[in-house]
Every structure is written in structure tokens, then in C-alpha cells.
C-alpha atoms as a PDB file:
ATOM      1  CA  MET A   1     103.642  61.890  82.069  1.00  0.00           C
ATOM      2  CA  ILE A   2     103.351  63.218  85.686  1.00  0.00           C
ATOM      3  CA  SER A   3     102.355  60.507  88.430  1.00  0.00           C
ATOM      4  CA  ARG A   4      99.910  60.830  90.773  1.00  0.00           C
ATOM      5  CA  PHE A   5     102.387  61.857  93.668  1.00  0.00           C
ATOM      6  CA  GLU A   6     103.590  64.459  91.903  1.00  0.00           C
ATOM      7  CA  ARG A   7     100.163  66.039  90.327  1.00  0.00           C
ATOM      8  CA  VAL A   8      98.833  65.632  94.562  1.00  0.00           C
ATOM      9  CA  SER A   9     101.524  67.563  95.642  1.00  0.00           C
ATOM     10  CA  ASN A  10     101.391  70.541  92.889  1.00  0.00           C
ATOM     11  CA  TYR A  11      98.291  70.365  94.278  1.00  0.00           C
ATOM     12  CA  VAL A  12      98.804  70.957  97.789  1.00  0.00           C
ATOM     13  CA  ILE A  13     101.475  73.811  97.077  1.00  0.00           C
ATOM     14  CA  VAL A  14      99.191  75.474  95.167  1.00  0.00           C
ATOM     15  CA  ILE A  15      96.248  75.293  97.531  1.00  0.00           C
ATOM     16  CA  ALA A  16      98.844  76.314 100.283  1.00  0.00           C
ATOM     17  CA  LEU A  17     100.153  79.078  98.439  1.00  0.00           C
ATOM     18  CA  THR A  18      96.395  80.319  97.800  1.00  0.00           C
ATOM     19  CA  VAL A  19      95.275  80.368 101.285  1.00  0.00           C
ATOM     20  CA  GLY A  20      98.813  82.334 102.312  1.00  0.00           C
ATOM     21  CA  VAL A  21      97.796  85.000 100.429  1.00  0.00           C
ATOM     22  CA  LEU A  22      94.247  85.273 100.959  1.00  0.00           C
ATOM     23  CA  PHE A  23      93.890  84.683 104.530  1.00  0.00           C
ATOM     24  CA  PRO A  24      95.515  88.234 105.428  1.00  0.00           C
ATOM     25  CA  VAL A  25      93.169  89.325 102.929  1.00  0.00           C
ATOM     26  CA  ALA A  26      89.812  87.891 104.135  1.00  0.00           C
ATOM     27  CA  TRP A  27      91.462  89.281 107.719  1.00  0.00           C
ATOM     28  CA  PHE A  28      91.768  92.739 106.394  1.00  0.00           C
ATOM     29  CA  VAL A  29      88.106  92.748 105.045  1.00  0.00           C
ATOM     30  CA  LEU A  30      86.776  91.052 108.344  1.00  0.00           C
ATOM     31  CA  THR A  31      88.525  93.501 110.527  1.00  0.00           C
ATOM     32  CA  SER A  32      86.936  96.744 108.212  1.00  0.00           C
ATOM     33  CA  LEU A  33      83.239  94.887 108.935  1.00  0.00           C
ATOM     34  CA  SER A  34      84.261  94.897 112.913  1.00  0.00           C
ATOM     35  CA  PRO A  35      82.490  96.848 115.839  1.00  0.00           C
ATOM     36  CA  ASN A  36      85.467  96.284 117.695  1.00  0.00           C
ATOM     37  CA  THR A  37      87.568  98.779 117.297  1.00  0.00           C
ATOM     38  CA  SER A  38      90.676  97.183 118.233  1.00  0.00           C
ATOM     39  CA  GLY A  39      91.032  95.279 115.627  1.00  0.00           C
ATOM     40  CA  ALA A  40      89.604  91.943 116.888  1.00  0.00           C
ATOM     41  CA  LEU A  41      87.227  89.944 114.954  1.00  0.00           C
ATOM     42  CA  ASP A  42      83.690  90.294 116.018  1.00  0.00           C
ATOM     43  CA  PHE A  43      80.767  88.553 114.340  1.00  0.00           C
ATOM     44  CA  SER A  44      78.110  89.006 116.449  1.00  0.00           C
ATOM     45  CA  ASN A  45      77.668  92.912 114.455  1.00  0.00           C
ATOM     46  CA  ILE A  46      78.740  93.127 110.859  1.00  0.00           C
ATOM     47  CA  ALA A  47      79.267  97.438 111.202  1.00  0.00           C
ATOM     48  CA  TRP A  48      78.659  98.438 107.731  1.00  0.00           C
ATOM     49  CA  SER A  49      78.987 102.103 109.227  1.00  0.00           C
ATOM     50  CA  ASN A  50      82.525 101.360 109.620  1.00  0.00           C
ATOM     51  CA  PHE A  51      82.882 102.588 105.581  1.00  0.00           C
ATOM     52  CA  THR A  52      80.873 105.398 105.983  1.00  0.00           C
ATOM     53  CA  ALA A  53      82.320 107.123 108.955  1.00  0.00           C
ATOM     54  CA  ALA A  54      85.894 106.430 106.952  1.00  0.00           C
ATOM     55  CA  TRP A  55      84.339 107.739 103.965  1.00  0.00           C
ATOM     56  CA  HIS A  56      83.186 110.683 105.469  1.00  0.00           C
ATOM     57  CA  ASP A  57      85.418 111.453 108.088  1.00  0.00           C
ATOM     58  CA  GLY A  58      88.162 111.122 105.574  1.00  0.00           C
ATOM     59  CA  ASN A  59      87.376 113.283 103.127  1.00  0.00           C
ATOM     60  CA  LEU A  60      87.753 110.430 100.663  1.00  0.00           C
ATOM     61  CA  ALA A  61      84.800 111.813  98.099  1.00  0.00           C
ATOM     62  CA  HIS A  62      86.594 114.859  97.280  1.00  0.00           C
ATOM     63  CA  SER A  63      90.606 113.088  97.497  1.00  0.00           C
ATOM     64  CA  MET A  64      89.563 109.911  95.232  1.00  0.00           C
ATOM     65  CA  TYR A  65      88.199 112.358  93.190  1.00  0.00           C
ATOM     66  CA  ALA A  66      91.718 114.510  93.021  1.00  0.00           C
ATOM     67  CA  SER A  67      93.196 110.588  92.796  1.00  0.00           C
ATOM     68  CA  LEU A  68      91.018 109.937  89.960  1.00  0.00           C
ATOM     69  CA  VAL A  69      91.892 112.822  87.737  1.00  0.00           C
ATOM     70  CA  ILE A  70      95.149 112.969  88.568  1.00  0.00           C
ATOM     71  CA  THR A  71      95.766 109.217  87.938  1.00  0.00           C
ATOM     72  CA  VAL A  72      93.665 108.867  84.225  1.00  0.00           C
ATOM     73  CA  SER A  73      95.524 112.088  83.217  1.00  0.00           C
ATOM     74  CA  ALA A  74      99.027 110.704  84.012  1.00  0.00           C
ATOM     75  CA  VAL A  75      97.932 107.048  82.712  1.00  0.00           C
ATOM     76  CA  ILE A  76      96.445 108.508  79.153  1.00  0.00           C
ATOM     77  CA  GLY A  77      99.264 110.557  78.960  1.00  0.00           C
ATOM     78  CA  GLN A  78     101.786 107.754  79.659  1.00  0.00           C
ATOM     79  CA  THR A  79     100.165 105.167  77.826  1.00  0.00           C
ATOM     80  CA  ILE A  80     100.026 107.675  74.419  1.00  0.00           C
ATOM     81  CA  LEU A  81     104.015 108.554  75.268  1.00  0.00           C
ATOM     82  CA  ALA A  82     105.133 104.906  75.517  1.00  0.00           C
ATOM     83  CA  ILE A  83     103.003 103.701  72.190  1.00  0.00           C
ATOM     84  CA  LEU A  84     104.993 106.454  70.219  1.00  0.00           C
ATOM     85  CA  SER A  85     108.199 106.265  71.551  1.00  0.00           C
ATOM     86  CA  GLY A  86     108.291 102.458  71.715  1.00  0.00           C
ATOM     87  CA  TYR A  87     107.487 102.361  67.670  1.00  0.00           C
ATOM     88  CA  ALA A  88     109.707 104.741  67.242  1.00  0.00           C
ATOM     89  CA  PHE A  89     112.484 102.415  69.094  1.00  0.00           C
ATOM     90  CA  GLY A  90     111.124  99.476  68.114  1.00  0.00           C
ATOM     91  CA  VAL A  91     110.035  99.189  64.828  1.00  0.00           C
ATOM     92  CA  LEU A  92     111.317 102.602  62.562  1.00  0.00           C
ATOM     93  CA  GLY A  93     114.369 102.992  64.249  1.00  0.00           C
ATOM     94  CA  VAL A  94     115.409 106.844  65.161  1.00  0.00           C
ATOM     95  CA  VAL A  95     118.954 108.616  64.904  1.00  0.00           C
ATOM     96  CA  GLY A  96     121.057 108.359  67.977  1.00  0.00           C
ATOM     97  CA  GLU A  97     118.702 105.345  69.044  1.00  0.00           C
ATOM     98  CA  ARG A  98     121.527 103.367  70.938  1.00  0.00           C
ATOM     99  CA  PHE A  99     122.571 106.421  73.033  1.00  0.00           C
ATOM    100  CA  LEU A 100     119.188 108.038  73.358  1.00  0.00           C
ATOM    101  CA  PHE A 101     117.356 104.752  74.505  1.00  0.00           C
ATOM    102  CA  PRO A 102     119.608 103.967  77.093  1.00  0.00           C
ATOM    103  CA  VAL A 103     118.955 107.658  78.244  1.00  0.00           C
ATOM    104  CA  ILE A 104     115.765 106.761  78.849  1.00  0.00           C
ATOM    105  CA  LEU A 105     116.272 103.559  80.686  1.00  0.00           C
ATOM    106  CA  LEU A 106     118.405 105.713  83.231  1.00  0.00           C
ATOM    107  CA  GLY A 107     115.195 107.268  84.144  1.00  0.00           C
ATOM    108  CA  MET A 108     114.410 103.842  85.467  1.00  0.00           C
ATOM    109  CA  MET A 109     117.088 103.509  87.651  1.00  0.00           C
ATOM    110  CA  VAL A 110     117.106 106.967  89.229  1.00  0.00           C
ATOM    111  CA  SER A 111     115.552 106.609  92.734  1.00  0.00           C
ATOM    112  CA  THR A 112     112.569 109.277  93.160  1.00  0.00           C
ATOM    113  CA  GLU A 113     114.212 110.471  96.697  1.00  0.00           C
ATOM    114  CA  VAL A 114     117.271 111.508  94.413  1.00  0.00           C
ATOM    115  CA  ILE A 115     115.862 113.857  92.538  1.00  0.00           C
ATOM    116  CA  VAL A 116     112.501 114.873  94.929  1.00  0.00           C
ATOM    117  CA  ILE A 117     114.453 117.952  96.392  1.00  0.00           C
ATOM    118  CA  PRO A 118     115.520 120.343  93.037  1.00  0.00           C
ATOM    119  CA  LEU A 119     112.617 118.796  91.168  1.00  0.00           C
ATOM    120  CA  TYR A 120     110.415 120.399  94.295  1.00  0.00           C
ATOM    121  CA  TYR A 121     112.295 124.161  93.886  1.00  0.00           C
ATOM    122  CA  GLU A 122     112.095 123.801  90.279  1.00  0.00           C
ATOM    123  CA  PHE A 123     108.394 123.344  90.154  1.00  0.00           C
ATOM    124  CA  GLN A 124     107.938 125.651  93.000  1.00  0.00           C
ATOM    125  CA  ARG A 125     110.197 128.228  90.799  1.00  0.00           C
ATOM    126  CA  ILE A 126     107.300 127.591  87.560  1.00  0.00           C
ATOM    127  CA  GLY A 127     104.338 127.899  90.074  1.00  0.00           C
ATOM    128  CA  LEU A 128     103.785 123.588  89.652  1.00  0.00           C
ATOM    129  CA  THR A 129     103.365 123.363  93.147  1.00  0.00           C
ATOM    130  CA  ASN A 130     100.237 122.584  94.828  1.00  0.00           C
ATOM    131  CA  SER A 131      99.078 121.677  91.168  1.00  0.00           C
ATOM    132  CA  TRP A 132      97.400 118.482  90.045  1.00  0.00           C
ATOM    133  CA  LEU A 133      99.074 119.301  86.643  1.00  0.00           C
ATOM    134  CA  GLY A 134     102.265 119.111  88.321  1.00  0.00           C
ATOM    135  CA  LEU A 135     101.758 116.061  89.916  1.00  0.00           C
ATOM    136  CA  VAL A 136     100.522 114.952  86.242  1.00  0.00           C
ATOM    137  CA  ILE A 137     103.668 115.960  84.200  1.00  0.00           C
ATOM    138  CA  ILE A 138     106.356 114.302  87.222  1.00  0.00           C
ATOM    139  CA  GLN A 139     103.896 111.348  87.062  1.00  0.00           C
ATOM    140  CA  LEU A 140     104.592 111.306  83.226  1.00  0.00           C
ATOM    141  CA  GLY A 141     108.306 111.388  83.556  1.00  0.00           C
ATOM    142  CA  MET A 142     108.699 109.031  85.827  1.00  0.00           C
ATOM    143  CA  GLY A 143     106.194 106.381  83.665  1.00  0.00           C
ATOM    144  CA  VAL A 144     107.420 106.964  80.165  1.00  0.00           C
ATOM    145  CA  PRO A 145     110.320 104.763  80.262  1.00  0.00           C
ATOM    146  CA  PHE A 146     109.463 101.230  81.472  1.00  0.00           C
ATOM    147  CA  GLY A 147     106.636 102.481  79.032  1.00  0.00           C
ATOM    148  CA  THR A 148     108.807 102.826  76.367  1.00  0.00           C
ATOM    149  CA  TYR A 149     110.702  99.552  77.200  1.00  0.00           C
ATOM    150  CA  TRP A 150     107.386  97.976  77.381  1.00  0.00           C
ATOM    151  CA  MET A 151     106.226  99.110  74.427  1.00  0.00           C
ATOM    152  CA  ARG A 152     109.449  99.180  72.634  1.00  0.00           C
ATOM    153  CA  ALA A 153     109.729  95.181  73.479  1.00  0.00           C
ATOM    154  CA  THR A 154     106.264  94.062  72.685  1.00  0.00           C
ATOM    155  CA  PHE A 155     106.433  95.543  69.142  1.00  0.00           C
ATOM    156  CA  ARG A 156     109.642  93.978  68.100  1.00  0.00           C
ATOM    157  CA  ALA A 157     107.917  90.696  69.110  1.00  0.00           C
ATOM    158  CA  LEU A 158     105.143  91.175  66.650  1.00  0.00           C
ATOM    159  CA  PRO A 159     106.153  89.600  62.979  1.00  0.00           C
ATOM    160  CA  ARG A 160     107.861  91.854  60.830  1.00  0.00           C
ATOM    161  CA  SER A 161     105.680  90.238  57.735  1.00  0.00           C
ATOM    162  CA  VAL A 162     102.770  91.890  59.137  1.00  0.00           C
ATOM    163  CA  MET A 163     103.981  95.741  59.057  1.00  0.00           C
ATOM    164  CA  ASP A 164     105.875  94.708  55.498  1.00  0.00           C
ATOM    165  CA  SER A 165     102.334  93.562  53.851  1.00  0.00           C
ATOM    166  CA  ALA A 166     100.418  96.114  55.354  1.00  0.00           C
ATOM    167  CA  ALA A 167     103.574  98.313  53.598  1.00  0.00           C
ATOM    168  CA  VAL A 168     103.150  97.071  50.357  1.00  0.00           C
ATOM    169  CA  ASP A 169      99.208  97.644  50.834  1.00  0.00           C
ATOM    170  CA  GLY A 170      99.899 101.300  51.188  1.00  0.00           C
ATOM    171  CA  ALA A 171      99.795 101.852  54.609  1.00  0.00           C
ATOM    172  CA  GLY A 172     101.130 104.726  56.224  1.00  0.00           C
ATOM    173  CA  VAL A 173     103.175 105.256  59.443  1.00  0.00           C
ATOM    174  CA  TRP A 174     100.783 105.812  61.577  1.00  0.00           C
ATOM    175  CA  ASN A 175      98.079 103.562  59.990  1.00  0.00           C
ATOM    176  CA  THR A 176     100.124 100.939  60.519  1.00  0.00           C
ATOM    177  CA  LEU A 177     100.845 101.905  64.282  1.00  0.00           C
ATOM    178  CA  TRP A 178      97.262 102.479  65.070  1.00  0.00           C
ATOM    179  CA  ARG A 179      95.332 100.116  62.828  1.00  0.00           C
ATOM    180  CA  ILE A 180      97.578  97.043  62.961  1.00  0.00           C
ATOM    181  CA  LEU A 181     100.085  96.932  65.829  1.00  0.00           C
ATOM    182  CA  VAL A 182      98.069  98.415  69.044  1.00  0.00           C
ATOM    183  CA  PRO A 183      95.190  96.066  68.222  1.00  0.00           C
ATOM    184  CA  MET A 184      97.807  93.113  67.928  1.00  0.00           C
ATOM    185  CA  ALA A 185      99.183  94.777  70.990  1.00  0.00           C
ATOM    186  CA  ARG A 186      96.254  95.287  72.870  1.00  0.00           C
ATOM    187  CA  PRO A 187      97.344  92.735  75.769  1.00  0.00           C
ATOM    188  CA  ALA A 188     100.400  94.455  76.274  1.00  0.00           C
ATOM    189  CA  VAL A 189      98.836  98.028  76.417  1.00  0.00           C
ATOM    190  CA  LEU A 190      95.882  97.096  78.520  1.00  0.00           C
ATOM    191  CA  THR A 191      98.855  95.806  81.222  1.00  0.00           C
ATOM    192  CA  LEU A 192     101.135  99.083  80.890  1.00  0.00           C
ATOM    193  CA  VAL A 193      97.463 101.030  81.532  1.00  0.00           C
ATOM    194  CA  LEU A 194      96.838  98.557  84.555  1.00  0.00           C
ATOM    195  CA  LEU A 195     100.480  98.892  86.171  1.00  0.00           C
ATOM    196  CA  SER A 196     100.841 102.845  85.481  1.00  0.00           C
ATOM    197  CA  PHE A 197      97.178 103.173  87.120  1.00  0.00           C
ATOM    198  CA  MET A 198      98.420 100.984  90.046  1.00  0.00           C
ATOM    199  CA  TRP A 199     101.970 102.717  90.543  1.00  0.00           C
ATOM    200  CA  THR A 200     100.052 106.390  90.212  1.00  0.00           C
ATOM    201  CA  TRP A 201      97.027 105.641  92.809  1.00  0.00           C
ATOM    202  CA  ASN A 202      99.383 104.233  95.186  1.00  0.00           C
ATOM    203  CA  ASP A 203     101.732 107.083  94.979  1.00  0.00           C
ATOM    204  CA  PHE A 204     102.009 108.898  98.598  1.00  0.00           C
ATOM    205  CA  PHE A 205     105.684 109.962  98.317  1.00  0.00           C
ATOM    206  CA  LEU A 206     105.322 112.724  95.633  1.00  0.00           C
ATOM    207  CA  SER A 207     101.767 113.492  96.333  1.00  0.00           C
ATOM    208  CA  LEU A 208     102.545 114.398  99.810  1.00  0.00           C
ATOM    209  CA  ILE A 209     105.549 116.689  98.652  1.00  0.00           C
ATOM    210  CA  PHE A 210     103.920 118.483  96.271  1.00  0.00           C
ATOM    211  CA  LEU A 211     100.384 118.571  96.955  1.00  0.00           C
ATOM    212  CA  GLY A 212     100.474 120.822 100.412  1.00  0.00           C
ATOM    213  CA  ASP A 213      97.026 122.036  99.966  1.00  0.00           C
ATOM    214  CA  PRO A 214      94.520 119.655 101.836  1.00  0.00           C
ATOM    215  CA  ASP A 215      92.210 120.602  98.965  1.00  0.00           C
ATOM    216  CA  LYS A 216      93.985 119.282  96.251  1.00  0.00           C
ATOM    217  CA  GLN A 217      95.446 115.955  98.507  1.00  0.00           C
ATOM    218  CA  THR A 218      94.778 112.711  96.862  1.00  0.00           C
ATOM    219  CA  ALA A 219      93.147 109.659  98.229  1.00  0.00           C
ATOM    220  CA  THR A 220      96.827 107.636  99.671  1.00  0.00           C
ATOM    221  CA  VAL A 221      97.139 111.299 101.438  1.00  0.00           C
ATOM    222  CA  ALA A 222      94.042 111.639 103.111  1.00  0.00           C
ATOM    223  CA  LEU A 223      94.113 107.741 104.283  1.00  0.00           C
ATOM    224  CA  GLY A 224      97.191 108.731 105.771  1.00  0.00           C
ATOM    225  CA  ALA A 225      96.074 111.697 107.455  1.00  0.00           C
ATOM    226  CA  PHE A 226      92.248 109.798 108.572  1.00  0.00           C
ATOM    227  CA  GLN A 227      94.257 106.478 110.216  1.00  0.00           C
ATOM    228  CA  GLY A 228      96.930 109.408 112.081  1.00  0.00           C
ATOM    229  CA  ARG A 229      93.565 110.851 113.538  1.00  0.00           C
ATOM    230  CA  HIS A 230      92.421 107.274 114.529  1.00  0.00           C
ATOM    231  CA  VAL A 231      94.830 104.617 115.316  1.00  0.00           C
ATOM    232  CA  LEU A 232      93.352 103.578 117.930  1.00  0.00           C
ATOM    233  CA  GLN A 233      89.901 102.396 115.585  1.00  0.00           C
ATOM    234  CA  VAL A 234      91.644  99.516 113.753  1.00  0.00           C
ATOM    235  CA  ASN A 235      88.522  99.045 112.377  1.00  0.00           C
ATOM    236  CA  LEU A 236      88.328 102.443 110.745  1.00  0.00           C
ATOM    237  CA  MET A 237      91.579 102.579 109.154  1.00  0.00           C
ATOM    238  CA  ALA A 238      90.625  99.178 107.290  1.00  0.00           C
ATOM    239  CA  ALA A 239      87.264 100.444 106.199  1.00  0.00           C
ATOM    240  CA  GLY A 240      89.339 103.444 104.793  1.00  0.00           C
ATOM    241  CA  SER A 241      92.296 101.287 103.645  1.00  0.00           C
ATOM    242  CA  LEU A 242      89.805  99.104 101.666  1.00  0.00           C
ATOM    243  CA  ILE A 243      87.598 102.324  99.678  1.00  0.00           C
ATOM    244  CA  VAL A 244      90.885 103.743  98.850  1.00  0.00           C
ATOM    245  CA  SER A 245      92.319 100.413  97.720  1.00  0.00           C
ATOM    246  CA  LEU A 246      88.599  99.479  95.771  1.00  0.00           C
ATOM    247  CA  PRO A 247      89.772 101.188  92.487  1.00  0.00           C
ATOM    248  CA  VAL A 248      93.279  99.362  91.326  1.00  0.00           C
ATOM    249  CA  VAL A 249      90.974  95.948  92.440  1.00  0.00           C
ATOM    250  CA  ALA A 250      88.125  96.120  90.520  1.00  0.00           C
ATOM    251  CA  LEU A 251      90.399  97.518  87.584  1.00  0.00           C
ATOM    252  CA  TYR A 252      92.514  94.741  87.983  1.00  0.00           C
ATOM    253  CA  LEU A 253      89.300  92.113  88.463  1.00  0.00           C
ATOM    254  CA  PHE A 254      87.856  93.683  85.064  1.00  0.00           C
ATOM    255  CA  PHE A 255      91.254  93.360  82.974  1.00  0.00           C
ATOM    256  CA  GLN A 256      92.782  89.847  84.682  1.00  0.00           C
ATOM    257  CA  ARG A 257      92.888  88.133  81.668  1.00  0.00           C
ATOM    258  CA  GLU A 258      94.406  90.861  79.070  1.00  0.00           C
ATOM    259  CA  PHE A 259      96.575  91.204  82.385  1.00  0.00           C
ATOM    260  CA  ILE A 260      97.888  87.973  82.644  1.00  0.00           C
ATOM    261  CA  SER A 261      98.345  87.671  78.994  1.00  0.00           C
ATOM    262  CA  GLY A 262     100.391  90.666  78.601  1.00  0.00           C
ATOM    263  CA  VAL A 263     102.732  89.757  81.550  1.00  0.00           C
ATOM    264  CA  MET A 264     103.339  86.539  79.746  1.00  0.00           C
ATOM    265  CA  ALA A 265     103.490  88.153  76.421  1.00  0.00           C
ATOM    266  CA  GLY A 266     106.161  90.251  78.104  1.00  0.00           C
ATOM    267  CA  ALA A 267     108.112  87.968  78.269  1.00  0.00           C
ATOM    268  CA  VAL A 268     110.077  87.856  75.136  1.00  0.00           C
ATOM    269  CA  LYS A 269     113.748  87.863  73.898  1.00  0.00           C
ATOM    270  CA  GLU A 270     114.971  91.303  72.207  1.00  0.00           C
END
């Protein structure tokens, strides 16, 4: 039994943590609505025009479209490859798995800064710099190792009896994967999609290096340029940042239950 003191203490700690997390967010939102360019809160007038100014001055419409194309393409590719490779390593077993799987995991351990220079010159040689396709390919390479590890652990946590029953009923390898295992692993798949979307959408470093053409730059790069031009207008910088972060926040709020369920399900033993 939990004593009354322990219950009250738990509520106090949770409330304090909630306030600590939400206070900066609330301050950030209120700053974006303030007519005061210094960032000081001013409740005398709500300046919705800050969002309009940030949208037009930062050319966010085109750059967010670029981010959307790159992110959706990369997330779809990462998810499909992660499911296939996770199924191969976690259920089917592949020749040389003990060697191949650690090699794939090595992709999670190598820092982007270590490989970015040779990667840039290689992509420049084959004509994939200043190209959305080139950035999508890079994001695939950066995201698949984690996705493989995630889906391998997910499939291994599913009951083996379900797969055996499917085999007895005549289900082939593909039917077992797409009609049985993937629906059962839906929370983990959605969690992977959310994480991949967030990481790809928020990428600044690779987009800055590989997309030098202003007409092809992503939202994060456009936001950096916008903030550089409006460094003394804190309210406009906050409004622009809020616009760019909105897709990730909206996606998380829409799938938050599946995300939490997938994270909890991911805490499994190998």
C-alpha cells in the first residue's frame, strides 16, 4: 500500500516536472505572439501578424514543401527497409547474421561529422549534391541501422507460436510478415515512423551542406537564414520556429498513444 504522504509527494513531483517542461514552451508561444521585438511579453495586443511576416519573409512555404518531400520519402524508405531487414534478422535468420548485423549497427555509431566530407565529394562526383534525391538517399543510410535494430527487437518479442501457426495454415513468408507480424507490431512501426520523421525533419547539418541552392533548401536551413536576418526581432524568430516545429508536434499529438505504447513495447529483452 502507498501511504498518503508518498501519494502526495508523487503528485507534487509530477506537477513540478510538468510546470518545468511546459513553462519554456508557454513562454516561447507567448513570445511569438508579442508585438515587442525584444521578446518581452506584451499582453496589450496579440500580434498574429508575426506568423504572417515569418511565413513570407522566411519563404517558409517553399522550404517546408521541400522538407515535406524529403522527409516523407526518407521515412517511407526507412520504414520499409527496416521492416524487411528486421524480419530477416529477427525471424528468418540470414547467412552471416553474426557478422552482418554488427556491421549494420556500426552505422549507428559512426558520427555524421566523420563521413560528411568524403560523402559530399562522392555525391558531387555522381551529381547528387543540390538534389533532394541525394539527401533522401543519405537520410536512408543514416536511419536504416536504427530501424533495423528496432524492428529486429520488435519481431523477436512477438510470440513465436503465432508464426508457427501461420506456417501450419499455409501462410508464406510474405503473408506472415505483412498480414500478421506488421499489424501486431503496429505501435512499434508507428513509433519508428515518428522518430524517423522527427530526425529527418529537424536535420540542419546535412541539409545545409548538401543543398546549397536556396530554391531547394529545407525548412530548418531557411529558418536559420531567417533568424540571421532578424536577430534583433525575437518575436519573429519565435514565430518562425513555431511554424517549422508545428508538423512534428502535430504528428506526435495525433499518434501519442501509439508512440508511448511502442516505446514501452521496445523495452524488451533480446
